[in-house]
């Protein structure tokens, strides 16, 4: 990056870029107060890629760092997905399993009183409503406590 060439540049292109920049930032040619510091940075970059052996060593190191960055990025992405899933699951007191929270339009049944009472619920406008009376009129036959959403109501 310091030399301003692509990673695939040939040795001749590297040398040409180094010489061009060296003339611009060499303290003997440039009176800018930071010219000497700029030349030192340029010289350090050139020292890294000036010979085929050093360049190969640099490329191996750069590729390893790139692989490490990619692996770390994948790991962090998976971790973020796992954390999102953990935040969006609820523990069930009946089966001790984990379940996703209700989403807009979900419609399900739960039992109470040792299974003698079945209550029907629907999630609408971000709120959970007891729709047992309506479900009874519709003769809805949903098995309670299945921990799945058998119906989804679509609005609009």
N, C-alpha and C. Protein backbone atom coordinates (compact mmCIF):
# COMPACT_ATOMS: atom_id res chain seq x y z
N UNK A 1 0.82 -1.20 0.00
CA UNK A 1 0.00 0.00 0.00
C UNK A 1 0.86 1.26 0.00
N UNK A 2 1.96 1.22 0.71
CA UNK A 2 2.84 2.38 0.77
C UNK A 2 3.39 2.71 -0.61
N UNK A 3 3.72 1.69 -1.38
CA UNK A 3 4.29 1.90 -2.70
C UNK A 3 3.22 2.24 -3.74
N UNK A 4 1.97 2.06 -3.41
CA UNK A 4 0.88 2.42 -4.32
C UNK A 4 0.73 1.49 -5.50
N UNK A 5 1.05 0.23 -5.32
CA UNK A 5 0.90 -0.76 -6.40
C UNK A 5 0.04 -1.92 -5.90
N UNK A 6 -0.46 -2.68 -6.85
CA UNK A 6 -1.27 -3.86 -6.50
C UNK A 6 -0.37 -4.93 -5.89
N UNK A 7 -0.97 -5.82 -5.12
CA UNK A 7 -0.22 -6.91 -4.50
C UNK A 7 0.39 -7.83 -5.56
N UNK A 8 -0.18 -7.83 -6.75
CA UNK A 8 0.30 -8.70 -7.83
C UNK A 8 1.35 -8.02 -8.71
N UNK A 9 1.80 -6.83 -8.33
CA UNK A 9 2.77 -6.08 -9.14
C UNK A 9 4.07 -6.88 -9.30
N UNK A 10 4.69 -6.71 -10.44
CA UNK A 10 5.96 -7.41 -10.71
C UNK A 10 7.08 -6.72 -9.94
N UNK A 11 8.23 -7.38 -9.90
CA UNK A 11 9.40 -6.79 -9.24
C UNK A 11 9.78 -5.47 -9.91
N UNK A 12 9.69 -5.43 -11.23
CA UNK A 12 10.03 -4.20 -11.97
C UNK A 12 9.06 -3.07 -11.61
N UNK A 13 7.77 -3.39 -11.50
CA UNK A 13 6.78 -2.37 -11.13
C UNK A 13 7.02 -1.86 -9.72
N UNK A 14 7.40 -2.76 -8.82
CA UNK A 14 7.70 -2.35 -7.45
C UNK A 14 8.90 -1.40 -7.42
N UNK A 15 9.93 -1.77 -8.15
CA UNK A 15 11.15 -0.95 -8.17
C UNK A 15 10.85 0.43 -8.76
N UNK A 16 10.07 0.47 -9.83
CA UNK A 16 9.71 1.73 -10.48
C UNK A 16 8.91 2.61 -9.52
N UNK A 17 7.95 2.01 -8.82
CA UNK A 17 7.13 2.77 -7.87
C UNK A 17 7.98 3.30 -6.72
N UNK A 18 8.89 2.47 -6.23
CA UNK A 18 9.77 2.90 -5.14
C UNK A 18 10.63 4.09 -5.58
N UNK A 19 11.25 3.99 -6.74
CA UNK A 19 12.12 5.08 -7.21
C UNK A 19 11.34 6.37 -7.42
N UNK A 20 10.15 6.25 -7.99
CA UNK A 20 9.31 7.44 -8.23
C UNK A 20 8.98 8.13 -6.91
N UNK A 21 8.58 7.35 -5.91
CA UNK A 21 8.23 7.92 -4.61
C UNK A 21 9.46 8.41 -3.85
N UNK A 22 10.57 7.72 -3.99
CA UNK A 22 11.80 8.11 -3.29
C UNK A 22 12.24 9.50 -3.72
N UNK A 23 12.12 9.79 -5.01
CA UNK A 23 12.48 11.12 -5.51
C UNK A 23 11.57 12.18 -4.90
N UNK A 24 10.30 11.84 -4.71
CA UNK A 24 9.34 12.80 -4.16
C UNK A 24 9.55 13.09 -2.68
N UNK A 25 9.91 12.08 -1.90
CA UNK A 25 9.97 12.27 -0.44
C UNK A 25 11.38 12.26 0.15
N UNK A 26 12.39 12.09 -0.67
CA UNK A 26 13.77 12.06 -0.13
C UNK A 26 14.08 13.42 0.50
N UNK A 27 14.61 13.41 1.73
CA UNK A 27 14.89 14.67 2.43
C UNK A 27 15.83 15.61 1.67
N UNK A 28 16.71 15.07 0.83
CA UNK A 28 17.61 15.91 0.04
C UNK A 28 16.87 16.60 -1.11
N UNK A 29 15.74 16.05 -1.53
CA UNK A 29 14.98 16.60 -2.66
C UNK A 29 13.73 17.36 -2.21
N UNK A 30 13.27 17.08 -0.99
CA UNK A 30 12.02 17.66 -0.50
C UNK A 30 12.28 18.34 0.84
N UNK A 31 11.92 19.60 0.95
CA UNK A 31 12.19 20.36 2.17
C UNK A 31 11.04 20.30 3.18
N UNK A 32 10.04 19.53 2.89
CA UNK A 32 8.90 19.43 3.82
C UNK A 32 9.41 18.89 5.16
N UNK A 33 8.87 19.41 6.29
CA UNK A 33 9.35 18.96 7.61
C UNK A 33 9.18 17.46 7.85
N UNK A 34 8.23 16.84 7.20
CA UNK A 34 8.00 15.41 7.42
C UNK A 34 8.57 14.54 6.30
N UNK A 35 9.34 15.11 5.44
CA UNK A 35 9.91 14.35 4.32
C UNK A 35 10.79 13.21 4.81
N UNK A 36 11.58 13.46 5.83
CA UNK A 36 12.47 12.41 6.34
C UNK A 36 11.66 11.24 6.90
N UNK A 37 10.59 11.54 7.65
CA UNK A 37 9.74 10.48 8.20
C UNK A 37 9.06 9.70 7.08
N UNK A 38 8.59 10.42 6.06
CA UNK A 38 7.94 9.76 4.92
C UNK A 38 8.94 8.85 4.19
N UNK A 39 10.17 9.31 4.05
CA UNK A 39 11.18 8.50 3.37
C UNK A 39 11.49 7.24 4.18
N UNK A 40 11.51 7.36 5.50
CA UNK A 40 11.78 6.19 6.35
C UNK A 40 10.67 5.14 6.19
N UNK A 41 9.42 5.60 6.12
CA UNK A 41 8.29 4.68 5.90
C UNK A 41 8.44 4.00 4.54
N UNK A 42 8.75 4.80 3.52
CA UNK A 42 8.93 4.26 2.18
C UNK A 42 10.07 3.25 2.14
N UNK A 43 11.17 3.59 2.79
CA UNK A 43 12.34 2.70 2.81
C UNK A 43 12.00 1.38 3.53
N UNK A 44 11.25 1.47 4.63
CA UNK A 44 10.85 0.26 5.36
C UNK A 44 9.97 -0.64 4.48
N UNK A 45 9.06 -0.02 3.73
CA UNK A 45 8.21 -0.79 2.82
C UNK A 45 9.05 -1.45 1.74
N UNK A 46 10.00 -0.70 1.20
CA UNK A 46 10.87 -1.25 0.16
C UNK A 46 11.71 -2.40 0.69
N UNK A 47 12.21 -2.26 1.91
CA UNK A 47 13.02 -3.33 2.50
C UNK A 47 12.23 -4.63 2.63
N UNK A 48 10.93 -4.51 2.82
CA UNK A 48 10.08 -5.70 2.97
C UNK A 48 9.91 -6.45 1.65
N UNK A 49 9.87 -5.71 0.53
CA UNK A 49 9.57 -6.35 -0.77
C UNK A 49 10.70 -6.24 -1.79
N UNK A 50 11.86 -5.78 -1.37
CA UNK A 50 12.94 -5.51 -2.33
C UNK A 50 13.55 -6.76 -2.95
N UNK A 51 13.51 -7.87 -2.27
CA UNK A 51 14.04 -9.10 -2.87
C UNK A 51 12.91 -10.13 -2.96
N UNK A 52 13.01 -11.05 -3.92
CA UNK A 52 11.96 -12.08 -4.06
C UNK A 52 11.75 -12.89 -2.78
N UNK A 53 12.83 -13.16 -2.05
CA UNK A 53 12.70 -13.94 -0.81
C UNK A 53 11.92 -13.16 0.25
N UNK A 54 12.29 -11.88 0.42
CA UNK A 54 11.60 -11.05 1.42
C UNK A 54 10.14 -10.83 1.02
N UNK A 55 9.91 -10.65 -0.28
CA UNK A 55 8.55 -10.44 -0.75
C UNK A 55 7.70 -11.68 -0.50
N UNK A 56 8.26 -12.85 -0.78
CA UNK A 56 7.53 -14.10 -0.55
C UNK A 56 7.19 -14.26 0.93
N UNK A 57 8.15 -13.95 1.78
CA UNK A 57 7.94 -14.02 3.23
C UNK A 57 6.82 -13.05 3.65
N UNK A 58 6.85 -11.85 3.07
CA UNK A 58 5.81 -10.85 3.36
C UNK A 58 4.44 -11.33 2.88
N UNK A 59 4.38 -11.89 1.68
CA UNK A 59 3.11 -12.38 1.12
C UNK A 59 2.53 -13.51 1.97
N UNK A 60 3.38 -14.41 2.44
CA UNK A 60 2.92 -15.51 3.30
C UNK A 60 2.32 -14.94 4.59
N UNK A 61 3.01 -13.98 5.17
CA UNK A 61 2.53 -13.35 6.40
C UNK A 61 1.21 -12.62 6.15
N UNK A 62 1.14 -11.89 5.03
CA UNK A 62 -0.07 -11.14 4.69
C UNK A 62 -1.25 -12.09 4.45
N UNK A 63 -1.00 -13.20 3.77
CA UNK A 63 -2.06 -14.18 3.52
C UNK A 63 -2.54 -14.81 4.83
N UNK A 64 -1.61 -15.10 5.72
CA UNK A 64 -1.97 -15.68 7.02
C UNK A 64 -2.82 -14.69 7.82
N UNK A 65 -2.44 -13.42 7.79
CA UNK A 65 -3.22 -12.40 8.49
C UNK A 65 -4.60 -12.25 7.87
N UNK A 66 -4.65 -12.34 6.53
CA UNK A 66 -5.92 -12.25 5.83
C UNK A 66 -6.82 -13.43 6.20
N UNK A 67 -6.24 -14.63 6.26
CA UNK A 67 -6.99 -15.83 6.64
C UNK A 67 -7.48 -15.72 8.08
N UNK A 68 -6.63 -15.20 8.95
CA UNK A 68 -7.01 -15.01 10.35
C UNK A 68 -8.17 -14.02 10.45
N UNK A 69 -8.09 -12.94 9.69
CA UNK A 69 -9.16 -11.94 9.69
C UNK A 69 -10.46 -12.56 9.19
N UNK A 70 -10.38 -13.35 8.11
CA UNK A 70 -11.58 -14.00 7.56
C UNK A 70 -12.17 -14.98 8.57
N UNK A 71 -11.31 -15.79 9.18
CA UNK A 71 -11.79 -16.76 10.17
C UNK A 71 -12.42 -16.07 11.36
N UNK A 72 -11.80 -15.00 11.81
CA UNK A 72 -12.34 -14.25 12.95
C UNK A 72 -13.68 -13.62 12.58
N UNK A 73 -13.78 -13.11 11.38
CA UNK A 73 -15.03 -12.51 10.91
C UNK A 73 -16.15 -13.55 10.87
N UNK A 74 -15.84 -14.75 10.35
CA UNK A 74 -16.84 -15.83 10.31
C UNK A 74 -17.25 -16.23 11.72
N UNK A 75 -16.28 -16.34 12.62
CA UNK A 75 -16.56 -16.71 14.00
C UNK A 75 -17.47 -15.68 14.66
N UNK A 76 -17.15 -14.40 14.49
CA UNK A 76 -17.96 -13.34 15.10
C UNK A 76 -19.36 -13.30 14.51
N UNK A 77 -19.48 -13.57 13.22
CA UNK A 77 -20.79 -13.61 12.58
C UNK A 77 -21.64 -14.75 13.15
N UNK A 78 -21.02 -15.94 13.29
CA UNK A 78 -21.75 -17.08 13.88
C UNK A 78 -22.13 -16.79 15.33
N UNK A 79 -21.22 -16.17 16.07
CA UNK A 79 -21.50 -15.82 17.46
C UNK A 79 -22.66 -14.84 17.55
N UNK A 80 -22.67 -13.86 16.67
CA UNK A 80 -23.76 -12.88 16.64
C UNK A 80 -25.09 -13.58 16.33
N UNK A 81 -25.09 -14.50 15.37
CA UNK A 81 -26.31 -15.26 15.05
C UNK A 81 -26.77 -16.08 16.25
N UNK A 82 -25.83 -16.74 16.92
CA UNK A 82 -26.17 -17.54 18.11
C UNK A 82 -26.75 -16.68 19.22
N UNK A 83 -26.17 -15.50 19.42
CA UNK A 83 -26.67 -14.59 20.46
C UNK A 83 -28.07 -14.09 20.12
N UNK A 84 -28.31 -13.77 18.83
CA UNK A 84 -29.65 -13.34 18.42
C UNK A 84 -30.66 -14.45 18.69
N UNK A 85 -30.29 -15.68 18.33
CA UNK A 85 -31.19 -16.81 18.55
C UNK A 85 -31.46 -17.01 20.04
N UNK A 86 -30.42 -16.89 20.86
CA UNK A 86 -30.59 -17.05 22.31
C UNK A 86 -31.50 -15.97 22.87
N UNK A 87 -31.36 -14.76 22.35
CA UNK A 87 -32.20 -13.66 22.84
C UNK A 87 -33.64 -13.81 22.39
N UNK A 88 -33.86 -14.51 21.28
CA UNK A 88 -35.21 -14.65 20.73
C UNK A 88 -35.84 -16.00 21.03
N UNK A 89 -35.35 -16.70 22.04
CA UNK A 89 -35.98 -17.95 22.45
C UNK A 89 -36.44 -17.84 23.88
N UNK A 90 -37.44 -18.62 24.20
CA UNK A 90 -38.00 -18.62 25.55
C UNK A 90 -37.97 -20.04 26.09
N UNK A 91 -37.70 -20.17 27.37
CA UNK A 91 -37.75 -21.49 28.01
C UNK A 91 -39.22 -21.82 28.28
N UNK A 92 -39.59 -23.06 28.03
CA UNK A 92 -40.95 -23.51 28.26
C UNK A 92 -41.03 -24.20 29.62
N UNK A 93 -41.95 -23.76 30.45
CA UNK A 93 -42.08 -24.37 31.78
C UNK A 93 -42.75 -25.74 31.71
N UNK A 94 -43.44 -26.04 30.60
CA UNK A 94 -44.14 -27.32 30.49
C UNK A 94 -43.22 -28.44 30.00
N UNK A 95 -42.43 -28.14 28.99
CA UNK A 95 -41.60 -29.22 28.42
C UNK A 95 -40.11 -28.98 28.64
N UNK A 96 -39.75 -27.88 29.23
CA UNK A 96 -38.35 -27.50 29.50
C UNK A 96 -37.56 -27.27 28.21
N UNK A 97 -38.25 -27.15 27.10
CA UNK A 97 -37.58 -26.88 25.82
C UNK A 97 -37.46 -25.39 25.56
N UNK A 98 -36.87 -25.06 24.44
CA UNK A 98 -36.72 -23.67 24.03
C UNK A 98 -37.60 -23.43 22.82
N UNK A 99 -38.26 -22.29 22.81
CA UNK A 99 -39.18 -21.97 21.72
C UNK A 99 -39.01 -20.52 21.31
N UNK A 100 -39.29 -20.25 20.05
CA UNK A 100 -39.23 -18.88 19.56
C UNK A 100 -40.47 -18.13 20.01
N UNK A 101 -40.36 -16.83 20.25
CA UNK A 101 -41.53 -16.06 20.65
C UNK A 101 -42.51 -15.93 19.49
N UNK A 102 -43.74 -15.58 19.83
CA UNK A 102 -44.78 -15.43 18.82
C UNK A 102 -44.43 -14.29 17.86
N UNK A 103 -44.86 -14.46 16.62
CA UNK A 103 -44.68 -13.43 15.61
C UNK A 103 -46.04 -12.94 15.16
N UNK A 104 -46.05 -11.79 14.52
CA UNK A 104 -47.28 -11.17 14.04
C UNK A 104 -48.10 -12.18 13.22
N UNK A 105 -49.38 -12.35 13.60
CA UNK A 105 -50.27 -13.24 12.87
C UNK A 105 -50.28 -14.68 13.35
N UNK A 106 -49.43 -15.03 14.31
CA UNK A 106 -49.42 -16.40 14.83
C UNK A 106 -50.69 -16.68 15.63
N UNK A 107 -51.14 -17.94 15.59
CA UNK A 107 -52.39 -18.36 16.20
C UNK A 107 -52.11 -19.74 16.80
N UNK A 108 -52.33 -19.92 18.12
CA UNK A 108 -52.00 -21.18 18.78
C UNK A 108 -52.90 -21.42 19.99
N UNK A 109 -52.77 -22.62 20.59
CA UNK A 109 -53.60 -23.01 21.73
C UNK A 109 -52.72 -23.51 22.87
N UNK A 110 -53.15 -23.22 24.09
CA UNK A 110 -52.45 -23.70 25.29
C UNK A 110 -53.50 -24.26 26.25
N UNK A 111 -53.08 -25.23 27.06
CA UNK A 111 -54.01 -25.83 28.02
C UNK A 111 -53.65 -25.41 29.44
N UNK A 112 -54.67 -25.49 30.30
CA UNK A 112 -54.47 -25.24 31.73
C UNK A 112 -55.45 -26.13 32.49
N UNK A 113 -55.41 -26.10 33.79
CA UNK A 113 -56.28 -26.94 34.63
C UNK A 113 -56.18 -28.41 34.22
N UNK A 114 -54.93 -28.88 34.18
CA UNK A 114 -54.63 -30.27 33.83
C UNK A 114 -55.18 -30.67 32.47
N UNK A 115 -55.20 -29.71 31.55
CA UNK A 115 -55.65 -29.97 30.19
C UNK A 115 -57.14 -29.85 29.99
N UNK A 116 -57.89 -29.48 31.05
CA UNK A 116 -59.34 -29.37 30.93
C UNK A 116 -59.77 -28.07 30.25
N UNK A 117 -58.94 -27.05 30.33
CA UNK A 117 -59.29 -25.76 29.73
C UNK A 117 -58.29 -25.46 28.61
N UNK A 118 -58.81 -25.16 27.44
CA UNK A 118 -57.96 -24.79 26.31
C UNK A 118 -58.21 -23.33 25.99
N UNK A 119 -57.12 -22.57 25.89
CA UNK A 119 -57.20 -21.15 25.57
C UNK A 119 -56.49 -20.92 24.25
N UNK A 120 -57.16 -20.18 23.36
CA UNK A 120 -56.61 -19.87 22.04
C UNK A 120 -56.06 -18.45 22.05
N UNK A 121 -54.91 -18.27 21.41
CA UNK A 121 -54.25 -16.97 21.37
C UNK A 121 -53.89 -16.60 19.94
N UNK A 122 -53.81 -15.29 19.70
CA UNK A 122 -53.33 -14.77 18.41
C UNK A 122 -52.48 -13.54 18.68
N UNK A 123 -51.44 -13.38 17.90
CA UNK A 123 -50.59 -12.19 18.00
C UNK A 123 -50.98 -11.25 16.89
N UNK A 124 -51.51 -10.08 17.27
CA UNK A 124 -51.94 -9.07 16.30
C UNK A 124 -51.48 -7.70 16.79
N UNK A 125 -50.97 -6.91 15.89
CA UNK A 125 -50.49 -5.55 16.21
C UNK A 125 -49.49 -5.56 17.35
N UNK A 126 -48.67 -6.59 17.41
CA UNK A 126 -47.63 -6.67 18.42
C UNK A 126 -48.13 -7.06 19.80
N UNK A 127 -49.41 -7.44 19.92
CA UNK A 127 -49.98 -7.83 21.22
C UNK A 127 -50.57 -9.23 21.11
N UNK A 128 -50.62 -9.92 22.23
CA UNK A 128 -51.21 -11.26 22.27
C UNK A 128 -52.63 -11.15 22.80
N UNK A 129 -53.57 -11.68 22.04
CA UNK A 129 -54.99 -11.62 22.41
C UNK A 129 -55.52 -13.03 22.70
N UNK A 130 -56.42 -13.11 23.67
CA UNK A 130 -57.15 -14.34 23.97
C UNK A 130 -58.33 -14.38 23.00
N UNK A 131 -58.32 -15.33 22.07
CA UNK A 131 -59.39 -15.43 21.07
C UNK A 131 -60.18 -16.72 21.25
N UNK A 132 -60.24 -17.19 22.49
CA UNK A 132 -60.91 -18.46 22.78
C UNK A 132 -62.37 -18.45 22.34
N UNK A 133 -63.09 -17.37 22.64
CA UNK A 133 -64.51 -17.31 22.28
C UNK A 133 -64.69 -17.40 20.77
N UNK A 134 -63.90 -16.63 20.03
CA UNK A 134 -63.98 -16.66 18.57
C UNK A 134 -63.63 -18.06 18.04
N UNK A 135 -62.56 -18.64 18.57
CA UNK A 135 -62.12 -19.97 18.11
C UNK A 135 -63.21 -21.01 18.36
N UNK A 136 -63.93 -20.87 19.49
CA UNK A 136 -65.02 -21.80 19.78
C UNK A 136 -66.13 -21.69 18.75
N UNK A 137 -66.47 -20.46 18.34
CA UNK A 137 -67.50 -20.26 17.33
C UNK A 137 -67.08 -20.81 15.96
N UNK A 138 -65.79 -20.76 15.70
CA UNK A 138 -65.26 -21.22 14.42
C UNK A 138 -65.01 -22.73 14.41
N UNK A 139 -65.20 -23.35 15.56
CA UNK A 139 -64.92 -24.77 15.73
C UNK A 139 -63.47 -25.11 15.33
N UNK A 140 -62.57 -24.27 15.80
CA UNK A 140 -61.15 -24.46 15.53
C UNK A 140 -60.66 -25.65 16.34
N UNK A 141 -60.01 -26.57 15.70
CA UNK A 141 -59.50 -27.75 16.39
C UNK A 141 -57.98 -27.79 16.36
N UNK A 142 -57.38 -27.07 17.28
CA UNK A 142 -55.92 -27.05 17.36
C UNK A 142 -55.52 -27.81 18.61
N UNK A 143 -54.57 -28.69 18.49
CA UNK A 143 -54.06 -29.39 19.67
C UNK A 143 -53.26 -28.40 20.51
N UNK A 144 -53.56 -28.32 21.80
CA UNK A 144 -52.83 -27.38 22.65
C UNK A 144 -51.44 -27.89 23.01
N UNK A 145 -50.60 -26.95 23.40
CA UNK A 145 -49.26 -27.25 23.94
C UNK A 145 -48.37 -28.03 22.98
N UNK A 146 -48.55 -27.83 21.69
CA UNK A 146 -47.69 -28.52 20.72
C UNK A 146 -46.38 -27.77 20.50
N UNK A 147 -46.31 -26.57 21.01
CA UNK A 147 -45.12 -25.72 20.88
C UNK A 147 -44.78 -25.43 19.42
N UNK A 148 -45.81 -25.35 18.63
CA UNK A 148 -45.64 -24.93 17.25
C UNK A 148 -46.86 -24.08 16.89
N UNK A 149 -46.73 -23.31 15.86
CA UNK A 149 -47.82 -22.44 15.43
C UNK A 149 -48.51 -23.11 14.25
N UNK A 150 -49.70 -23.70 14.47
CA UNK A 150 -50.36 -24.42 13.38
C UNK A 150 -51.01 -23.50 12.35
N UNK A 151 -51.34 -22.28 12.76
CA UNK A 151 -51.99 -21.34 11.85
C UNK A 151 -51.31 -19.99 11.93
N UNK A 152 -51.35 -19.31 10.81
CA UNK A 152 -50.81 -17.96 10.76
C UNK A 152 -51.85 -17.10 10.04
N UNK A 153 -52.29 -16.04 10.69
CA UNK A 153 -53.28 -15.14 10.12
C UNK A 153 -52.54 -14.05 9.35
N UNK A 154 -52.91 -13.85 8.10
CA UNK A 154 -52.28 -12.82 7.28
C UNK A 154 -53.20 -11.62 7.20
N UNK A 155 -52.66 -10.45 7.51
CA UNK A 155 -53.44 -9.22 7.48
C UNK A 155 -53.07 -8.43 6.23
N UNK A 156 -54.06 -8.17 5.40
CA UNK A 156 -53.81 -7.31 4.24
C UNK A 156 -53.34 -8.03 3.11
